[in-house]
C-alpha cells in the first residue's frame, strides 16, 4: 500500500521532520509579524466612519451655537 503519494510525503528533501517543523514555525512567526504590522498600520489612520462622525458633530455644534446666538 505504499504508493507514490506515500513516497512523496516521506521525502523531505533531506530534512528531518524536526527541521521541517522548524521551517514551518519560523514562517508562521514571520506571518504573525506581518499581520501585526498591518494591524498597526490600519489602526493608525482614522476610518471613514470616524471622519464623518467628527464632521457631523462639528456641524451640529456649529448649528446649535448659531441658533443660541
Protein backbone atom coordinates (compact mmCIF):
# COMPACT_ATOMS: atom_id res chain seq x y z
CA UNK A 1 0.00 0.00 0.00
CA UNK A 2 2.94 2.37 -0.33
CA UNK A 3 2.07 4.31 -3.47
CA UNK A 4 3.61 7.41 -5.00
CA UNK A 5 1.82 9.70 -2.52
CA UNK A 6 3.44 7.92 0.41
CA UNK A 7 6.90 8.28 -1.12
CA UNK A 8 6.36 12.00 -1.84
CA UNK A 9 5.10 12.64 1.68
CA UNK A 10 8.09 10.92 3.29
CA UNK A 11 10.71 12.65 1.15
CA UNK A 12 11.56 15.97 2.80
CA UNK A 13 14.45 16.90 0.51
CA UNK A 14 16.92 15.54 3.03
CA UNK A 15 15.42 17.37 6.02
CA UNK A 16 14.20 15.64 9.13
CA UNK A 17 10.67 16.14 10.38
CA UNK A 18 12.01 18.30 13.20
CA UNK A 19 13.79 20.57 10.71
CA UNK A 20 10.70 20.83 8.51
CA UNK A 21 8.54 21.73 11.52
CA UNK A 22 11.10 24.38 12.50
CA UNK A 23 10.93 25.89 9.00
CA UNK A 24 7.13 25.98 9.19
CA UNK A 25 7.23 27.54 12.67
CA UNK A 26 9.62 30.27 11.51
CA UNK A 27 7.40 31.07 8.51
CA UNK A 28 4.29 31.23 10.71
CA UNK A 29 6.09 33.61 13.09
CA UNK A 30 7.02 35.82 10.12
CA UNK A 31 3.38 35.83 9.01
CA UNK A 32 2.27 36.84 12.51
CA UNK A 33 4.78 39.72 12.49
CA UNK A 34 3.46 40.87 9.12
CA UNK A 35 -0.15 40.67 10.32
CA UNK A 36 0.73 42.68 13.45
CA UNK A 37 2.43 45.32 11.27
CA UNK A 38 -0.63 45.59 9.04
CA UNK A 39 -2.95 45.86 12.07
CA UNK A 40 -0.87 48.72 13.46
CA UNK A 41 -0.83 50.44 10.07
CA UNK A 42 -4.60 50.15 9.70
CA UNK A 43 -5.32 51.33 13.25
CA UNK A 44 -3.20 54.50 12.83
CA UNK A 45 -5.43 56.06 10.18
CA UNK A 46 -8.99 57.14 11.04
CA UNK A 47 -11.78 55.30 9.29
CA UNK A 48 -14.31 56.94 7.02
CA UNK A 49 -16.98 56.49 9.68
CA UNK A 50 -14.88 58.29 12.29
CA UNK A 51 -14.24 61.21 9.94
CA UNK A 52 -17.93 61.52 9.09
CA UNK A 53 -18.81 61.32 12.79
CA UNK A 54 -16.46 64.19 13.63
CA UNK A 55 -17.85 66.27 10.76
CA UNK A 56 -21.43 65.66 11.88
CA UNK A 57 -20.52 66.53 15.47
CA UNK A 58 -18.77 69.75 14.47
CA UNK A 59 -21.55 70.84 12.13
CA UNK A 60 -24.26 70.12 14.71
CA UNK A 61 -22.28 72.07 17.35
CA UNK A 62 -21.91 74.97 14.93
CA UNK A 63 -25.63 74.88 14.12
CA UNK A 64 -26.51 74.81 17.83
CA UNK A 65 -24.22 77.75 18.60
CA UNK A 66 -25.69 79.65 15.66
CA UNK A 67 -29.23 79.21 16.98
CA UNK A 68 -28.49 80.39 20.52
CA UNK A 69 -26.56 83.48 19.44
